[in-house]
Amino acid sequence: ISMEQSSIRGKVTGVPVGCACGDGVVD
């Protein structure tokens, strides 16, 4: 999940696709 996508955290139940693995918030 990109930093931009993370701004909607808690407001939606999922997203269709994410960003490239390693570019986002997941460790």
mmCIF file of all heavy atoms, coordinates in Angstrom:
data_MODEL
# 
_entry.id   MODEL 
# 
loop_
_atom_site.group_PDB 
_atom_site.id 
_atom_site.type_symbol 
_atom_site.label_atom_id 
_atom_site.label_alt_id 
_atom_site.label_comp_id 
_atom_site.label_asym_id 
_atom_site.label_entity_id 
_atom_site.label_seq_id 
_atom_site.pdbx_PDB_ins_code 
_atom_site.Cartn_x 
_atom_site.Cartn_y 
_atom_site.Cartn_z 
_atom_site.occupancy 
_atom_site.B_iso_or_equiv 
_atom_site.pdbx_formal_charge 
_atom_site.auth_seq_id 
_atom_site.auth_comp_id 
_atom_site.auth_asym_id 
_atom_site.auth_atom_id 
_atom_site.pdbx_PDB_model_num 
ATOM 1   N N   . ILE A 1 1  ? 0.850   -1.191 0.000  1.00 0.00 ? 1  ILE A N   1 
ATOM 2   C CA  . ILE A 1 1  ? 0.000   0.000  0.000  1.00 0.00 ? 1  ILE A CA  1 
ATOM 3   C C   . ILE A 1 1  ? 0.882   1.236  0.000  1.00 0.00 ? 1  ILE A C   1 
ATOM 4   O O   . ILE A 1 1  ? 1.728   1.410  0.888  1.00 0.00 ? 1  ILE A O   1 
ATOM 5   C CB  . ILE A 1 1  ? -0.932  0.018  1.232  1.00 0.00 ? 1  ILE A CB  1 
ATOM 6   C CG1 . ILE A 1 1  ? -1.845  -1.206 1.246  1.00 0.00 ? 1  ILE A CG1 1 
ATOM 7   C CG2 . ILE A 1 1  ? -1.745  1.307  1.269  1.00 0.00 ? 1  ILE A CG2 1 
ATOM 8   C CD1 . ILE A 1 1  ? -2.823  -1.280 0.089  1.00 0.00 ? 1  ILE A CD1 1 
ATOM 9   N N   . SER A 1 2  ? 0.689   2.092  -0.994 1.00 0.00 ? 2  SER A N   1 
ATOM 10  C CA  . SER A 1 2  ? 1.498   3.306  -1.091 1.00 0.00 ? 2  SER A CA  1 
ATOM 11  C C   . SER A 1 2  ? 1.121   4.284  0.009  1.00 0.00 ? 2  SER A C   1 
ATOM 12  O O   . SER A 1 2  ? 0.050   4.185  0.624  1.00 0.00 ? 2  SER A O   1 
ATOM 13  C CB  . SER A 1 2  ? 1.287   3.973  -2.458 1.00 0.00 ? 2  SER A CB  1 
ATOM 14  O OG  . SER A 1 2  ? -0.036  4.486  -2.551 1.00 0.00 ? 2  SER A OG  1 
ATOM 15  N N   . MET A 1 3  ? 1.996   5.254  0.244  1.00 0.00 ? 3  MET A N   1 
ATOM 16  C CA  . MET A 1 3  ? 1.690   6.281  1.239  1.00 0.00 ? 3  MET A CA  1 
ATOM 17  C C   . MET A 1 3  ? 0.424   7.043  0.845  1.00 0.00 ? 3  MET A C   1 
ATOM 18  O O   . MET A 1 3  ? -0.384  7.409  1.703  1.00 0.00 ? 3  MET A O   1 
ATOM 19  C CB  . MET A 1 3  ? 2.871   7.243  1.382  1.00 0.00 ? 3  MET A CB  1 
ATOM 20  C CG  . MET A 1 3  ? 4.114   6.608  2.003  1.00 0.00 ? 3  MET A CG  1 
ATOM 21  S SD  . MET A 1 3  ? 3.770   5.856  3.626  1.00 0.00 ? 3  MET A SD  1 
ATOM 22  C CE  . MET A 1 3  ? 3.304   7.313  4.565  1.00 0.00 ? 3  MET A CE  1 
ATOM 23  N N   . GLU A 1 4  ? 0.230   7.265  -0.435 1.00 0.00 ? 4  GLU A N   1 
ATOM 24  C CA  . GLU A 1 4  ? -0.978  7.956  -0.891 1.00 0.00 ? 4  GLU A CA  1 
ATOM 25  C C   . GLU A 1 4  ? -2.225  7.127  -0.585 1.00 0.00 ? 4  GLU A C   1 
ATOM 26  O O   . GLU A 1 4  ? -3.227  7.647  -0.085 1.00 0.00 ? 4  GLU A O   1 
ATOM 27  C CB  . GLU A 1 4  ? -0.883  8.222  -2.394 1.00 0.00 ? 4  GLU A CB  1 
ATOM 28  C CG  . GLU A 1 4  ? -2.084  8.963  -2.960 1.00 0.00 ? 4  GLU A CG  1 
ATOM 29  C CD  . GLU A 1 4  ? -1.961  9.201  -4.455 1.00 0.00 ? 4  GLU A CD  1 
ATOM 30  O OE1 . GLU A 1 4  ? -1.007  8.682  -5.075 1.00 0.00 ? 4  GLU A OE1 1 
ATOM 31  O OE2 . GLU A 1 4  ? -2.836  9.887  -5.008 1.00 0.00 ? 4  GLU A OE2 1 
ATOM 32  N N   . GLN A 1 5  ? -2.158  5.834  -0.880 1.00 0.00 ? 5  GLN A N   1 
ATOM 33  C CA  . GLN A 1 5  ? -3.294  4.958  -0.584 1.00 0.00 ? 5  GLN A CA  1 
ATOM 34  C C   . GLN A 1 5  ? -3.558  4.869  0.912  1.00 0.00 ? 5  GLN A C   1 
ATOM 35  O O   . GLN A 1 5  ? -4.702  4.741  1.349  1.00 0.00 ? 5  GLN A O   1 
ATOM 36  C CB  . GLN A 1 5  ? -3.032  3.550  -1.135 1.00 0.00 ? 5  GLN A CB  1 
ATOM 37  C CG  . GLN A 1 5  ? -3.141  3.401  -2.645 1.00 0.00 ? 5  GLN A CG  1 
ATOM 38  C CD  . GLN A 1 5  ? -2.753  2.023  -3.106 1.00 0.00 ? 5  GLN A CD  1 
ATOM 39  O OE1 . GLN A 1 5  ? -1.689  1.514  -2.752 1.00 0.00 ? 5  GLN A OE1 1 
ATOM 40  N NE2 . GLN A 1 5  ? -3.607  1.396  -3.897 1.00 0.00 ? 5  GLN A NE2 1 
ATOM 41  N N   . SER A 1 6  ? -2.497  4.922  1.710  1.00 0.00 ? 6  SER A N   1 
ATOM 42  C CA  . SER A 1 6  ? -2.655  4.741  3.157  1.00 0.00 ? 6  SER A CA  1 
ATOM 43  C C   . SER A 1 6  ? -3.475  5.854  3.803  1.00 0.00 ? 6  SER A C   1 
ATOM 44  O O   . SER A 1 6  ? -3.943  5.715  4.933  1.00 0.00 ? 6  SER A O   1 
ATOM 45  C CB  . SER A 1 6  ? -1.291  4.635  3.835  1.00 0.00 ? 6  SER A CB  1 
ATOM 46  O OG  . SER A 1 6  ? -0.587  5.861  3.781  1.00 0.00 ? 6  SER A OG  1 
ATOM 47  N N   . SER A 1 7  ? -3.678  6.944  3.079  1.00 0.00 ? 7  SER A N   1 
ATOM 48  C CA  . SER A 1 7  ? -4.479  8.042  3.623  1.00 0.00 ? 7  SER A CA  1 
ATOM 49  C C   . SER A 1 7  ? -5.948  7.659  3.797  1.00 0.00 ? 7  SER A C   1 
ATOM 50  O O   . SER A 1 7  ? -6.685  8.314  4.537  1.00 0.00 ? 7  SER A O   1 
ATOM 51  C CB  . SER A 1 7  ? -4.387  9.276  2.717  1.00 0.00 ? 7  SER A CB  1 
ATOM 52  O OG  . SER A 1 7  ? -4.980  9.011  1.451  1.00 0.00 ? 7  SER A OG  1 
ATOM 53  N N   . ILE A 1 8  ? -6.393  6.598  3.121  1.00 0.00 ? 8  ILE A N   1 
ATOM 54  C CA  . ILE A 1 8  ? -7.782  6.150  3.253  1.00 0.00 ? 8  ILE A CA  1 
ATOM 55  C C   . ILE A 1 8  ? -7.885  4.946  4.192  1.00 0.00 ? 8  ILE A C   1 
ATOM 56  O O   . ILE A 1 8  ? -8.925  4.302  4.266  1.00 0.00 ? 8  ILE A O   1 
ATOM 57  C CB  . ILE A 1 8  ? -8.404  5.816  1.883  1.00 0.00 ? 8  ILE A CB  1 
ATOM 58  C CG1 . ILE A 1 8  ? -7.593  4.723  1.165  1.00 0.00 ? 8  ILE A CG1 1 
ATOM 59  C CG2 . ILE A 1 8  ? -8.530  7.059  1.028  1.00 0.00 ? 8  ILE A CG2 1 
ATOM 60  C CD1 . ILE A 1 8  ? -8.265  4.217  -0.108 1.00 0.00 ? 8  ILE A CD1 1 
ATOM 61  N N   . ARG A 1 9  ? -6.811  4.672  4.930  1.00 0.00 ? 9  ARG A N   1 
ATOM 62  C CA  . ARG A 1 9  ? -6.842  3.549  5.859  1.00 0.00 ? 9  ARG A CA  1 
ATOM 63  C C   . ARG A 1 9  ? -7.975  3.736  6.875  1.00 0.00 ? 9  ARG A C   1 
ATOM 64  O O   . ARG A 1 9  ? -8.152  4.802  7.441  1.00 0.00 ? 9  ARG A O   1 
ATOM 65  C CB  . ARG A 1 9  ? -5.507  3.422  6.595  1.00 0.00 ? 9  ARG A CB  1 
ATOM 66  C CG  . ARG A 1 9  ? -5.411  2.151  7.421  1.00 0.00 ? 9  ARG A CG  1 
ATOM 67  C CD  . ARG A 1 9  ? -4.117  2.043  8.175  1.00 0.00 ? 9  ARG A CD  1 
ATOM 68  N NE  . ARG A 1 9  ? -3.985  0.705  8.750  1.00 0.00 ? 9  ARG A NE  1 
ATOM 69  C CZ  . ARG A 1 9  ? -3.157  0.390  9.744  1.00 0.00 ? 9  ARG A CZ  1 
ATOM 70  N NH1 . ARG A 1 9  ? -2.382  1.318  10.269 1.00 0.00 ? 9  ARG A NH1 1 
ATOM 71  N NH2 . ARG A 1 9  ? -3.117  -0.842 10.188 1.00 0.00 ? 9  ARG A NH2 1 
ATOM 72  N N   . GLY A 1 10 ? -8.730  2.672  7.092  1.00 0.00 ? 10 GLY A N   1 
ATOM 73  C CA  . GLY A 1 10 ? -9.840  2.708  8.023  1.00 0.00 ? 10 GLY A CA  1 
ATOM 74  C C   . GLY A 1 10 ? -11.130 3.228  7.430  1.00 0.00 ? 10 GLY A C   1 
ATOM 75  O O   . GLY A 1 10 ? -12.188 3.153  8.057  1.00 0.00 ? 10 GLY A O   1 
ATOM 76  N N   . LYS A 1 11 ? -11.060 3.728  6.195  1.00 0.00 ? 11 LYS A N   1 
ATOM 77  C CA  . LYS A 1 11 ? -12.247 4.271  5.538  1.00 0.00 ? 11 LYS A CA  1 
ATOM 78  C C   . LYS A 1 11 ? -12.809 3.336  4.476  1.00 0.00 ? 11 LYS A C   1 
ATOM 79  O O   . LYS A 1 11 ? -13.930 3.519  4.007  1.00 0.00 ? 11 LYS A O   1 
ATOM 80  C CB  . LYS A 1 11 ? -11.919 5.622  4.896  1.00 0.00 ? 11 LYS A CB  1 
ATOM 81  C CG  . LYS A 1 11 ? -11.425 6.672  5.887  1.00 0.00 ? 11 LYS A CG  1 
ATOM 82  C CD  . LYS A 1 11 ? -11.012 7.948  5.170  1.00 0.00 ? 11 LYS A CD  1 
ATOM 83  C CE  . LYS A 1 11 ? -10.418 8.956  6.154  1.00 0.00 ? 11 LYS A CE  1 
ATOM 84  N NZ  . LYS A 1 11 ? -9.950  10.184 5.456  1.00 0.00 ? 11 LYS A NZ  1 
ATOM 85  N N   . VAL A 1 12 ? -12.010 2.350  4.057  1.00 0.00 ? 12 VAL A N   1 
ATOM 86  C CA  . VAL A 1 12 ? -12.431 1.368  3.055  1.00 0.00 ? 12 VAL A CA  1 
ATOM 87  C C   . VAL A 1 12 ? -12.069 -0.015 3.563  1.00 0.00 ? 12 VAL A C   1 
ATOM 88  O O   . VAL A 1 12 ? -11.296 -0.168 4.518  1.00 0.00 ? 12 VAL A O   1 
ATOM 89  C CB  . VAL A 1 12 ? -11.767 1.623  1.684  1.00 0.00 ? 12 VAL A CB  1 
ATOM 90  C CG1 . VAL A 1 12 ? -12.210 2.950  1.099  1.00 0.00 ? 12 VAL A CG1 1 
ATOM 91  C CG2 . VAL A 1 12 ? -10.236 1.571  1.795  1.00 0.00 ? 12 VAL A CG2 1 
ATOM 92  N N   . THR A 1 13 ? -12.606 -1.045 2.907  1.00 0.00 ? 13 THR A N   1 
ATOM 93  C CA  . THR A 1 13 ? -12.340 -2.418 3.356  1.00 0.00 ? 13 THR A CA  1 
ATOM 94  C C   . THR A 1 13 ? -11.301 -3.129 2.509  1.00 0.00 ? 13 THR A C   1 
ATOM 95  O O   . THR A 1 13 ? -10.942 -4.266 2.792  1.00 0.00 ? 13 THR A O   1 
ATOM 96  C CB  . THR A 1 13 ? -13.636 -3.249 3.328  1.00 0.00 ? 13 THR A CB  1 
ATOM 97  O OG1 . THR A 1 13 ? -14.117 -3.319 1.977  1.00 0.00 ? 13 THR A OG1 1 
ATOM 98  C CG2 . THR A 1 13 ? -14.695 -2.632 4.214  1.00 0.00 ? 13 THR A CG2 1 
ATOM 99  N N   . GLY A 1 14 ? -10.810 -2.483 1.469  1.00 0.00 ? 14 GLY A N   1 
ATOM 100 C CA  . GLY A 1 14 ? -9.804  -3.098 0.617  1.00 0.00 ? 14 GLY A CA  1 
ATOM 101 C C   . GLY A 1 14 ? -9.552  -2.214 -0.589 1.00 0.00 ? 14 GLY A C   1 
ATOM 102 O O   . GLY A 1 14 ? -10.248 -1.218 -0.813 1.00 0.00 ? 14 GLY A O   1 
ATOM 103 N N   . VAL A 1 15 ? -8.531  -2.568 -1.347 1.00 0.00 ? 15 VAL A N   1 
ATOM 104 C CA  . VAL A 1 15 ? -8.237  -1.873 -2.598 1.00 0.00 ? 15 VAL A CA  1 
ATOM 105 C C   . VAL A 1 15 ? -8.018  -2.933 -3.672 1.00 0.00 ? 15 VAL A C   1 
ATOM 106 O O   . VAL A 1 15 ? -7.557  -4.033 -3.381 1.00 0.00 ? 15 VAL A O   1 
ATOM 107 C CB  . VAL A 1 15 ? -6.972  -0.973 -2.478 1.00 0.00 ? 15 VAL A CB  1 
ATOM 108 C CG1 . VAL A 1 15 ? -7.254  0.227  -1.604 1.00 0.00 ? 15 VAL A CG1 1 
ATOM 109 C CG2 . VAL A 1 15 ? -5.776  -1.757 -1.940 1.00 0.00 ? 15 VAL A CG2 1 
ATOM 110 N N   . PRO A 1 16 ? -8.359  -2.636 -4.941 1.00 0.00 ? 16 PRO A N   1 
ATOM 111 C CA  . PRO A 1 16 ? -8.250  -3.651 -5.988 1.00 0.00 ? 16 PRO A CA  1 
ATOM 112 C C   . PRO A 1 16 ? -6.815  -4.101 -6.238 1.00 0.00 ? 16 PRO A C   1 
ATOM 113 O O   . PRO A 1 16 ? -6.552  -5.295 -6.430 1.00 0.00 ? 16 PRO A O   1 
ATOM 114 C CB  . PRO A 1 16 ? -8.856  -2.969 -7.218 1.00 0.00 ? 16 PRO A CB  1 
ATOM 115 C CG  . PRO A 1 16 ? -8.788  -1.507 -6.932 1.00 0.00 ? 16 PRO A CG  1 
ATOM 116 C CD  . PRO A 1 16 ? -8.940  -1.377 -5.449 1.00 0.00 ? 16 PRO A CD  1 
ATOM 117 N N   . VAL A 1 17 ? -5.891  -3.164 -6.262 1.00 0.00 ? 17 VAL A N   1 
ATOM 118 C CA  . VAL A 1 17 ? -4.472  -3.492 -6.427 1.00 0.00 ? 17 VAL A CA  1 
ATOM 119 C C   . VAL A 1 17 ? -3.662  -2.523 -5.579 1.00 0.00 ? 17 VAL A C   1 
ATOM 120 O O   . VAL A 1 17 ? -4.144  -1.461 -5.194 1.00 0.00 ? 17 VAL A O   1 
ATOM 121 C CB  . VAL A 1 17 ? -4.001  -3.400 -7.897 1.00 0.00 ? 17 VAL A CB  1 
ATOM 122 C CG1 . VAL A 1 17 ? -4.628  -4.486 -8.745 1.00 0.00 ? 17 VAL A CG1 1 
ATOM 123 C CG2 . VAL A 1 17 ? -4.294  -2.023 -8.481 1.00 0.00 ? 17 VAL A CG2 1 
ATOM 124 N N   . GLY A 1 18 ? -2.414  -2.901 -5.298 1.00 0.00 ? 18 GLY A N   1 
ATOM 125 C CA  . GLY A 1 18 ? -1.541  -2.036 -4.530 1.00 0.00 ? 18 GLY A CA  1 
ATOM 126 C C   . GLY A 1 18 ? -0.465  -1.418 -5.405 1.00 0.00 ? 18 GLY A C   1 
ATOM 127 O O   . GLY A 1 18 ? -0.568  -1.392 -6.630 1.00 0.00 ? 18 GLY A O   1 
ATOM 128 N N   . CYS A 1 19 ? 0.583   -0.940 -4.757 1.00 0.00 ? 19 CYS A N   1 
ATOM 129 C CA  . CYS A 1 19 ? 1.746   -0.420 -5.464 1.00 0.00 ? 19 CYS A CA  1 
ATOM 130 C C   . CYS A 1 19 ? 2.774   -1.546 -5.589 1.00 0.00 ? 19 CYS A C   1 
ATOM 131 O O   . CYS A 1 19 ? 2.518   -2.686 -5.198 1.00 0.00 ? 19 CYS A O   1 
ATOM 132 C CB  . CYS A 1 19 ? 2.326   0.772  -4.715 1.00 0.00 ? 19 CYS A CB  1 
ATOM 133 S SG  . CYS A 1 19 ? 2.942   0.366  -3.054 1.00 0.00 ? 19 CYS A SG  1 
ATOM 134 N N   . ALA A 1 20 ? 3.931   -1.252 -6.111 1.00 0.00 ? 20 ALA A N   1 
ATOM 135 C CA  . ALA A 1 20 ? 4.991   -2.254 -6.183 1.00 0.00 ? 20 ALA A CA  1 
ATOM 136 C C   . ALA A 1 20 ? 5.423   -2.646 -4.773 1.00 0.00 ? 20 ALA A C   1 
ATOM 137 O O   . ALA A 1 20 ? 5.555   -1.792 -3.894 1.00 0.00 ? 20 ALA A O   1 
ATOM 138 C CB  . ALA A 1 20 ? 6.179   -1.708 -6.967 1.00 0.00 ? 20 ALA A CB  1 
ATOM 139 N N   . CYS A 1 21 ? 5.624   -3.936 -4.561 1.00 0.00 ? 21 CYS A N   1 
ATOM 140 C CA  . CYS A 1 21 ? 6.112   -4.392 -3.262 1.00 0.00 ? 21 CYS A CA  1 
ATOM 141 C C   . CYS A 1 21 ? 7.476   -3.773 -2.990 1.00 0.00 ? 21 CYS A C   1 
ATOM 142 O O   . CYS A 1 21 ? 8.377   -3.842 -3.828 1.00 0.00 ? 21 CYS A O   1 
ATOM 143 C CB  . CYS A 1 21 ? 6.213   -5.916 -3.241 1.00 0.00 ? 21 CYS A CB  1 
ATOM 144 S SG  . CYS A 1 21 ? 4.622   -6.755 -3.365 1.00 0.00 ? 21 CYS A SG  1 
ATOM 145 N N   . GLY A 1 22 ? 7.611   -3.170 -1.820 1.00 0.00 ? 22 GLY A N   1 
ATOM 146 C CA  . GLY A 1 22 ? 8.832   -2.463 -1.473 1.00 0.00 ? 22 GLY A CA  1 
ATOM 147 C C   . GLY A 1 22 ? 8.714   -0.967 -1.594 1.00 0.00 ? 22 GLY A C   1 
ATOM 148 O O   . GLY A 1 22 ? 9.535   -0.224 -1.047 1.00 0.00 ? 22 GLY A O   1 
ATOM 149 N N   . ASP A 1 23 ? 7.676   -0.497 -2.298 1.00 0.00 ? 23 ASP A N   1 
ATOM 150 C CA  . ASP A 1 23 ? 7.458   0.942  -2.453 1.00 0.00 ? 23 ASP A CA  1 
ATOM 151 C C   . ASP A 1 23 ? 6.483   1.492  -1.422 1.00 0.00 ? 23 ASP A C   1 
ATOM 152 O O   . ASP A 1 23 ? 6.294   2.714  -1.341 1.00 0.00 ? 23 ASP A O   1 
ATOM 153 C CB  . ASP A 1 23 ? 6.892   1.258  -3.841 1.00 0.00 ? 23 ASP A CB  1 
ATOM 154 C CG  . ASP A 1 23 ? 7.928   1.153  -4.941 1.00 0.00 ? 23 ASP A CG  1 
ATOM 155 O OD1 . ASP A 1 23 ? 9.109   0.900  -4.626 1.00 0.00 ? 23 ASP A OD1 1 
ATOM 156 O OD2 . ASP A 1 23 ? 7.555   1.317  -6.117 1.00 0.00 ? 23 ASP A OD2 1 
ATOM 157 N N   . GLY A 1 24 ? 5.854   0.608  -0.638 1.00 0.00 ? 24 GLY A N   1 
ATOM 158 C CA  . GLY A 1 24 ? 4.793   1.045  0.255  1.00 0.00 ? 24 GLY A CA  1 
ATOM 159 C C   . GLY A 1 24 ? 5.089   0.822  1.724  1.00 0.00 ? 24 GLY A C   1 
ATOM 160 O O   . GLY A 1 24 ? 6.248   0.801  2.154  1.00 0.00 ? 24 GLY A O   1 
ATOM 161 N N   . VAL A 1 25 ? 4.028   0.603  2.485  1.00 0.00 ? 25 VAL A N   1 
ATOM 162 C CA  . VAL A 1 25 ? 4.111   0.586  3.943  1.00 0.00 ? 25 VAL A CA  1 
ATOM 163 C C   . VAL A 1 25 ? 4.393   -0.785 4.536  1.00 0.00 ? 25 VAL A C   1 
ATOM 164 O O   . VAL A 1 25 ? 4.714   -0.891 5.721  1.00 0.00 ? 25 VAL A O   1 
ATOM 165 C CB  . VAL A 1 25 ? 2.792   1.123  4.549  1.00 0.00 ? 25 VAL A CB  1 
ATOM 166 C CG1 . VAL A 1 25 ? 2.537   2.551  4.107  1.00 0.00 ? 25 VAL A CG1 1 
ATOM 167 C CG2 . VAL A 1 25 ? 1.605   0.222  4.173  1.00 0.00 ? 25 VAL A CG2 1 
ATOM 168 N N   . VAL A 1 26 ? 4.277   -1.844 3.749  1.00 0.00 ? 26 VAL A N   1 
ATOM 169 C CA  . VAL A 1 26 ? 4.419   -3.200 4.288  1.00 0.00 ? 26 VAL A CA  1 
ATOM 170 C C   . VAL A 1 26 ? 5.889   -3.541 4.514  1.00 0.00 ? 26 VAL A C   1 
ATOM 171 O O   . VAL A 1 26 ? 6.747   -3.304 3.655  1.00 0.00 ? 26 VAL A O   1 
ATOM 172 C CB  . VAL A 1 26 ? 3.772   -4.238 3.347  1.00 0.00 ? 26 VAL A CB  1 
ATOM 173 C CG1 . VAL A 1 26 ? 4.016   -5.668 3.857  1.00 0.00 ? 26 VAL A CG1 1 
ATOM 174 C CG2 . VAL A 1 26 ? 2.268   -3.981 3.223  1.00 0.00 ? 26 VAL A CG2 1 
ATOM 175 N N   . ASP A 1 27 ? 6.181   -4.109 5.691  1.00 0.00 ? 27 ASP A N   1 
ATOM 176 C CA  . ASP A 1 27 ? 7.523   -4.590 6.022  1.00 0.00 ? 27 ASP A CA  1 
ATOM 177 C C   . ASP A 1 27 ? 7.635   -6.019 5.498  1.00 0.00 ? 27 ASP A C   1 
ATOM 178 O O   . ASP A 1 27 ? 7.258   -6.982 6.180  1.00 0.00 ? 27 ASP A O   1 
ATOM 179 C CB  . ASP A 1 27 ? 7.717   -4.549 7.543  1.00 0.00 ? 27 ASP A CB  1 
ATOM 180 C CG  . ASP A 1 27 ? 9.120   -4.966 7.969  1.00 0.00 ? 27 ASP A CG  1 
ATOM 181 O OD1 . ASP A 1 27 ? 9.833   -5.612 7.172  1.00 0.00 ? 27 ASP A OD1 1 
ATOM 182 O OD2 . ASP A 1 27 ? 9.485   -4.680 9.132  1.00 0.00 ? 27 ASP A OD2 1 
# 
